[in-house]
């Protein structure tokens, strides 16, 4: 997910997207452990997107 897309989102949208990504991460981890995941880099991308969203949510709450 690109930064400009995150910056355009409201806090509520960010929280919804965060929930979606956390569910996706759980599914990817499960598939990775069962050796069903072809693109392991997807795990890294989702983890980084979660971290970015958490950072922006935290910054928005401080303001």
PDB file of N, CA and C in Angstrom:
ATOM      1  N   UNK A   1       0.840  -1.167   0.000  1.00  0.00           N
ATOM      2  CA  UNK A   1       0.000   0.000   0.000  1.00  0.00           C
ATOM      3  C   UNK A   1       0.893   1.240   0.000  1.00  0.00           C
ATOM      4  N   UNK A   2       0.572   2.160  -0.853  1.00  0.00           N
ATOM      5  CA  UNK A   2       1.373   3.373  -0.997  1.00  0.00           C
ATOM      6  C   UNK A   2       0.993   4.395   0.068  1.00  0.00           C
ATOM      7  N   UNK A   3       1.974   5.222   0.435  1.00  0.00           N
ATOM      8  CA  UNK A   3       1.759   6.220   1.481  1.00  0.00           C
ATOM      9  C   UNK A   3       0.691   7.236   1.104  1.00  0.00           C
ATOM     10  N   UNK A   4       0.639   7.634  -0.154  1.00  0.00           N
ATOM     11  CA  UNK A   4      -0.348   8.638  -0.540  1.00  0.00           C
ATOM     12  C   UNK A   4      -1.769   8.107  -0.367  1.00  0.00           C
ATOM     13  N   UNK A   5      -1.963   6.802  -0.531  1.00  0.00           N
ATOM     14  CA  UNK A   5      -3.287   6.219  -0.317  1.00  0.00           C
ATOM     15  C   UNK A   5      -3.654   6.241   1.165  1.00  0.00           C
ATOM     16  N   UNK A   6      -2.673   5.973   2.009  1.00  0.00           N
ATOM     17  CA  UNK A   6      -2.924   5.975   3.449  1.00  0.00           C
ATOM     18  C   UNK A   6      -3.228   7.391   3.925  1.00  0.00           C
ATOM     19  N   UNK A   7      -2.492   8.371   3.415  1.00  0.00           N
ATOM     20  CA  UNK A   7      -2.689   9.761   3.832  1.00  0.00           C
ATOM     21  C   UNK A   7      -4.068  10.282   3.445  1.00  0.00           C
ATOM     22  N   UNK A   8      -4.650   9.740   2.376  1.00  0.00           N
ATOM     23  CA  UNK A   8      -5.973  10.172   1.930  1.00  0.00           C
ATOM     24  C   UNK A   8      -7.094   9.570   2.775  1.00  0.00           C
ATOM     25  N   UNK A   9      -6.813   8.516   3.516  1.00  0.00           N
ATOM     26  CA  UNK A   9      -7.837   7.821   4.300  1.00  0.00           C
ATOM     27  C   UNK A   9      -8.158   8.566   5.590  1.00  0.00           C
ATOM     28  N   UNK A  10      -9.394   8.366   6.042  1.00  0.00           N
ATOM     29  CA  UNK A  10      -9.753   8.867   7.368  1.00  0.00           C
ATOM     30  C   UNK A  10      -9.309   7.831   8.401  1.00  0.00           C
ATOM     31  N   UNK A  11      -9.376   8.204   9.668  1.00  0.00           N
ATOM     32  CA  UNK A  11      -8.954   7.291  10.734  1.00  0.00           C
ATOM     33  C   UNK A  11      -9.820   6.038  10.755  1.00  0.00           C
ATOM     34  N   UNK A  12     -11.115   6.203  10.524  1.00  0.00           N
ATOM     35  CA  UNK A  12     -12.032   5.056  10.523  1.00  0.00           C
ATOM     36  C   UNK A  12     -11.685   4.104   9.384  1.00  0.00           C
ATOM     37  N   UNK A  13     -11.400   4.655   8.221  1.00  0.00           N
ATOM     38  CA  UNK A  13     -11.020   3.822   7.077  1.00  0.00           C
ATOM     39  C   UNK A  13      -9.714   3.089   7.351  1.00  0.00           C
ATOM     40  N   UNK A  14      -8.774   3.783   8.002  1.00  0.00           N
ATOM     41  CA  UNK A  14      -7.496   3.150   8.339  1.00  0.00           C
ATOM     42  C   UNK A  14      -7.704   1.974   9.283  1.00  0.00           C
ATOM     43  N   UNK A  15      -8.581   2.145  10.263  1.00  0.00           N
ATOM     44  CA  UNK A  15      -8.832   1.067  11.220  1.00  0.00           C
ATOM     45  C   UNK A  15      -9.500  -0.130  10.551  1.00  0.00           C
ATOM     46  N   UNK A  16     -10.419   0.129   9.615  1.00  0.00           N
ATOM     47  CA  UNK A  16     -11.057  -0.965   8.873  1.00  0.00           C
ATOM     48  C   UNK A  16     -10.025  -1.712   8.028  1.00  0.00           C
ATOM     49  N   UNK A  17      -9.174  -0.956   7.354  1.00  0.00           N
ATOM     50  CA  UNK A  17      -8.132  -1.569   6.520  1.00  0.00           C
ATOM     51  C   UNK A  17      -7.157  -2.364   7.378  1.00  0.00           C
ATOM     52  N   UNK A  18      -6.873  -1.856   8.575  1.00  0.00           N
ATOM     53  CA  UNK A  18      -5.982  -2.552   9.500  1.00  0.00           C
ATOM     54  C   UNK A  18      -6.570  -3.908   9.886  1.00  0.00           C
ATOM     55  N   UNK A  19      -7.860  -3.945  10.180  1.00  0.00           N
ATOM     56  CA  UNK A  19      -8.519  -5.212  10.514  1.00  0.00           C
ATOM     57  C   UNK A  19      -8.434  -6.195   9.352  1.00  0.00           C
ATOM     58  N   UNK A  20      -8.670  -5.699   8.142  1.00  0.00           N
ATOM     59  CA  UNK A  20      -8.596  -6.556   6.956  1.00  0.00           C
ATOM     60  C   UNK A  20      -7.194  -7.135   6.785  1.00  0.00           C
ATOM     61  N   UNK A  21      -6.189  -6.290   6.954  1.00  0.00           N
ATOM     62  CA  UNK A  21      -4.809  -6.743   6.776  1.00  0.00           C
ATOM     63  C   UNK A  21      -4.395  -7.737   7.856  1.00  0.00           C
ATOM     64  N   UNK A  22      -4.880  -7.545   9.074  1.00  0.00           N
ATOM     65  CA  UNK A  22      -4.547  -8.492  10.140  1.00  0.00           C
ATOM     66  C   UNK A  22      -5.171  -9.862   9.864  1.00  0.00           C
ATOM     67  N   UNK A  23      -6.396  -9.870   9.333  1.00  0.00           N
ATOM     68  CA  UNK A  23      -7.026 -11.138   8.954  1.00  0.00           C
ATOM     69  C   UNK A  23      -6.243 -11.801   7.820  1.00  0.00           C
ATOM     70  N   UNK A  24      -5.841 -10.990   6.855  1.00  0.00           N
ATOM     71  CA  UNK A  24      -5.058 -11.512   5.730  1.00  0.00           C
ATOM     72  C   UNK A  24      -3.723 -12.071   6.208  1.00  0.00           C
ATOM     73  N   UNK A  25      -3.092 -11.383   7.153  1.00  0.00           N
ATOM     74  CA  UNK A  25      -1.816 -11.848   7.690  1.00  0.00           C
ATOM     75  C   UNK A  25      -1.982 -13.203   8.375  1.00  0.00           C
ATOM     76  N   UNK A  26      -3.037 -13.357   9.160  1.00  0.00           N
ATOM     77  CA  UNK A  26      -3.281 -14.640   9.822  1.00  0.00           C
ATOM     78  C   UNK A  26      -3.441 -15.762   8.805  1.00  0.00           C
ATOM     79  N   UNK A  27      -4.174 -15.493   7.740  1.00  0.00           N
ATOM     80  CA  UNK A  27      -4.366 -16.490   6.692  1.00  0.00           C
ATOM     81  C   UNK A  27      -3.043 -16.823   6.002  1.00  0.00           C
ATOM     82  N   UNK A  28      -2.244 -15.800   5.717  1.00  0.00           N
ATOM     83  CA  UNK A  28      -0.961 -16.023   5.048  1.00  0.00           C
ATOM     84  C   UNK A  28      -0.001 -16.822   5.924  1.00  0.00           C
ATOM     85  N   UNK A  29       0.025 -16.527   7.215  1.00  0.00           N
ATOM     86  CA  UNK A  29       0.898 -17.267   8.129  1.00  0.00           C
ATOM     87  C   UNK A  29       0.470 -18.728   8.174  1.00  0.00           C
ATOM     88  N   UNK A  30      -0.833 -18.958   8.238  1.00  0.00           N
ATOM     89  CA  UNK A  30      -1.346 -20.328   8.252  1.00  0.00           C
ATOM     90  C   UNK A  30      -0.951 -21.072   6.977  1.00  0.00           C
ATOM     91  N   UNK A  31      -1.126 -20.410   5.842  1.00  0.00           N
ATOM     92  CA  UNK A  31      -0.781 -21.043   4.569  1.00  0.00           C
ATOM     93  C   UNK A  31       0.723 -21.270   4.448  1.00  0.00           C
ATOM     94  N   UNK A  32       1.514 -20.356   4.991  1.00  0.00           N
ATOM     95  CA  UNK A  32       2.970 -20.497   4.942  1.00  0.00           C
ATOM     96  C   UNK A  32       3.424 -21.695   5.774  1.00  0.00           C
ATOM     97  N   UNK A  33       2.823 -21.872   6.928  1.00  0.00           N
ATOM     98  CA  UNK A  33       3.208 -22.994   7.785  1.00  0.00           C
ATOM     99  C   UNK A  33       2.811 -24.331   7.184  1.00  0.00           C
ATOM    100  N   UNK A  34       1.767 -24.330   6.372  1.00  0.00           N
ATOM    101  CA  UNK A  34       1.343 -25.560   5.708  1.00  0.00           C
ATOM    102  C   UNK A  34       1.974 -25.724   4.329  1.00  0.00           C
ATOM    103  N   UNK A  35       2.933 -24.868   4.035  1.00  0.00           N
ATOM    104  CA  UNK A  35       3.660 -24.893   2.760  1.00  0.00           C
ATOM    105  C   UNK A  35       2.733 -24.759   1.544  1.00  0.00           C
ATOM    106  N   UNK A  36       1.726 -23.927   1.680  1.00  0.00           N
ATOM    107  CA  UNK A  36       0.800 -23.684   0.577  1.00  0.00           C
ATOM    108  C   UNK A  36       0.965 -22.285  -0.010  1.00  0.00           C
ATOM    109  N   UNK A  37       1.871 -21.509   0.556  1.00  0.00           N
ATOM    110  CA  UNK A  37       2.054 -20.131   0.120  1.00  0.00           C
ATOM    111  C   UNK A  37       3.166 -20.062  -0.922  1.00  0.00           C
ATOM    112  N   UNK A  38       2.825 -19.536  -2.093  1.00  0.00           N
ATOM    113  CA  UNK A  38       3.807 -19.443  -3.172  1.00  0.00           C
ATOM    114  C   UNK A  38       4.674 -18.191  -3.047  1.00  0.00           C
ATOM    115  N   UNK A  39       4.058 -17.074  -2.719  1.00  0.00           N
ATOM    116  CA  UNK A  39       4.782 -15.800  -2.654  1.00  0.00           C
ATOM    117  C   UNK A  39       5.006 -15.408  -1.198  1.00  0.00           C
ATOM    118  N   UNK A  40       6.150 -15.758  -0.676  1.00  0.00           N
ATOM    119  CA  UNK A  40       6.477 -15.497   0.723  1.00  0.00           C
ATOM    120  C   UNK A  40       6.655 -13.997   0.965  1.00  0.00           C
ATOM    121  N   UNK A  41       7.030 -13.256  -0.064  1.00  0.00           N
ATOM    122  CA  UNK A  41       7.207 -11.808   0.069  1.00  0.00           C
ATOM    123  C   UNK A  41       5.904 -11.110   0.450  1.00  0.00           C
ATOM    124  N   UNK A  42       4.785 -11.740   0.161  1.00  0.00           N
ATOM    125  CA  UNK A  42       3.486 -11.160   0.513  1.00  0.00           C
ATOM    126  C   UNK A  42       3.370 -10.988   2.029  1.00  0.00           C
ATOM    127  N   UNK A  43       3.966 -11.901   2.793  1.00  0.00           N
ATOM    128  CA  UNK A  43       3.970 -11.779   4.257  1.00  0.00           C
ATOM    129  C   UNK A  43       4.644 -10.482   4.679  1.00  0.00           C
ATOM    130  N   UNK A  44       5.795 -10.213   4.115  1.00  0.00           N
ATOM    131  CA  UNK A  44       6.550  -9.007   4.459  1.00  0.00           C
ATOM    132  C   UNK A  44       5.765  -7.750   4.089  1.00  0.00           C
ATOM    133  N   UNK A  45       5.150  -7.764   2.905  1.00  0.00           N
ATOM    134  CA  UNK A  45       4.383  -6.608   2.458  1.00  0.00           C
ATOM    135  C   UNK A  45       3.218  -6.317   3.394  1.00  0.00           C
ATOM    136  N   UNK A  46       2.501  -7.352   3.788  1.00  0.00           N
ATOM    137  CA  UNK A  46       1.342  -7.167   4.662  1.00  0.00           C
ATOM    138  C   UNK A  46       1.786  -6.675   6.039  1.00  0.00           C
ATOM    139  N   UNK A  47       2.876  -7.230   6.563  1.00  0.00           N
ATOM    140  CA  UNK A  47       3.383  -6.780   7.862  1.00  0.00           C
ATOM    141  C   UNK A  47       3.775  -5.305   7.815  1.00  0.00           C
ATOM    142  N   UNK A  48       4.400  -4.897   6.735  1.00  0.00           N
ATOM    143  CA  UNK A  48       4.814  -3.495   6.605  1.00  0.00           C
ATOM    144  C   UNK A  48       3.612  -2.571   6.458  1.00  0.00           C
ATOM    145  N   UNK A  49       2.599  -3.018   5.719  1.00  0.00           N
ATOM    146  CA  UNK A  49       1.383  -2.215   5.588  1.00  0.00           C
ATOM    147  C   UNK A  49       0.696  -2.046   6.941  1.00  0.00           C
ATOM    148  N   UNK A  50       0.676  -3.110   7.735  1.00  0.00           N
ATOM    149  CA  UNK A  50       0.090  -3.034   9.077  1.00  0.00           C
ATOM    150  C   UNK A  50       0.856  -2.024   9.923  1.00  0.00           C
ATOM    151  N   UNK A  51       2.166  -2.071   9.861  1.00  0.00           N
ATOM    152  CA  UNK A  51       2.985  -1.138  10.639  1.00  0.00           C
ATOM    153  C   UNK A  51       2.744   0.303  10.189  1.00  0.00           C
ATOM    154  N   UNK A  52       2.642   0.518   8.885  1.00  0.00           N
ATOM    155  CA  UNK A  52       2.388   1.869   8.378  1.00  0.00           C
ATOM    156  C   UNK A  52       1.041   2.394   8.875  1.00  0.00           C
ATOM    157  N   UNK A  53       0.022   1.542   8.776  1.00  0.00           N
ATOM    158  CA  UNK A  53      -1.304   1.962   9.218  1.00  0.00           C
ATOM    159  C   UNK A  53      -1.323   2.264  10.709  1.00  0.00           C
ATOM    160  N   UNK A  54      -0.684   1.414  11.503  1.00  0.00           N
ATOM    161  CA  UNK A  54      -0.648   1.653  12.946  1.00  0.00           C
ATOM    162  C   UNK A  54       0.052   2.968  13.260  1.00  0.00           C
ATOM    163  N   UNK A  55       1.103   3.276  12.518  1.00  0.00           N
ATOM    164  CA  UNK A  55       1.829   4.526  12.721  1.00  0.00           C
ATOM    165  C   UNK A  55       0.937   5.726  12.422  1.00  0.00           C
ATOM    166  N   UNK A  56       0.239   5.696  11.288  1.00  0.00           N
ATOM    167  CA  UNK A  56      -0.616   6.815  10.923  1.00  0.00           C
ATOM    168  C   UNK A  56      -1.806   6.949  11.868  1.00  0.00           C
ATOM    169  N   UNK A  57      -2.359   5.833  12.327  1.00  0.00           N
ATOM    170  CA  UNK A  57      -3.467   5.887  13.286  1.00  0.00           C
ATOM    171  C   UNK A  57      -2.992   6.513  14.589  1.00  0.00           C
ATOM    172  N   UNK A  58      -1.823   6.118  15.041  1.00  0.00           N
ATOM    173  CA  UNK A  58      -1.268   6.660  16.281  1.00  0.00           C
ATOM    174  C   UNK A  58      -1.009   8.162  16.146  1.00  0.00           C
ATOM    175  N   UNK A  59      -0.467   8.579  15.020  1.00  0.00           N
ATOM    176  CA  UNK A  59      -0.203  10.000  14.796  1.00  0.00           C
ATOM    177  C   UNK A  59      -1.502  10.802  14.749  1.00  0.00           C
ATOM    178  N   UNK A  60      -2.534  10.228  14.148  1.00  0.00           N
ATOM    179  CA  UNK A  60      -3.815  10.928  14.056  1.00  0.00           C
ATOM    180  C   UNK A  60      -4.452  11.093  15.435  1.00  0.00           C
ATOM    181  N   UNK A  61      -4.275  10.114  16.295  1.00  0.00           N
ATOM    182  CA  UNK A  61      -4.856  10.198  17.637  1.00  0.00           C
ATOM    183  C   UNK A  61      -4.107  11.190  18.514  1.00  0.00           C
ATOM    184  N   UNK A  62      -2.829  11.414  18.240  1.00  0.00           N
ATOM    185  CA  UNK A  62      -2.049  12.377  19.016  1.00  0.00           C
ATOM    186  C   UNK A  62      -2.435  13.811  18.687  1.00  0.00           C
ATOM    187  N   UNK A  63      -2.915  14.043  17.474  1.00  0.00           N
ATOM    188  CA  UNK A  63      -3.254  15.412  17.047  1.00  0.00           C
ATOM    189  C   UNK A  63      -4.554  15.886  17.598  1.00  0.00           C
TER     190      UNK A  63
END
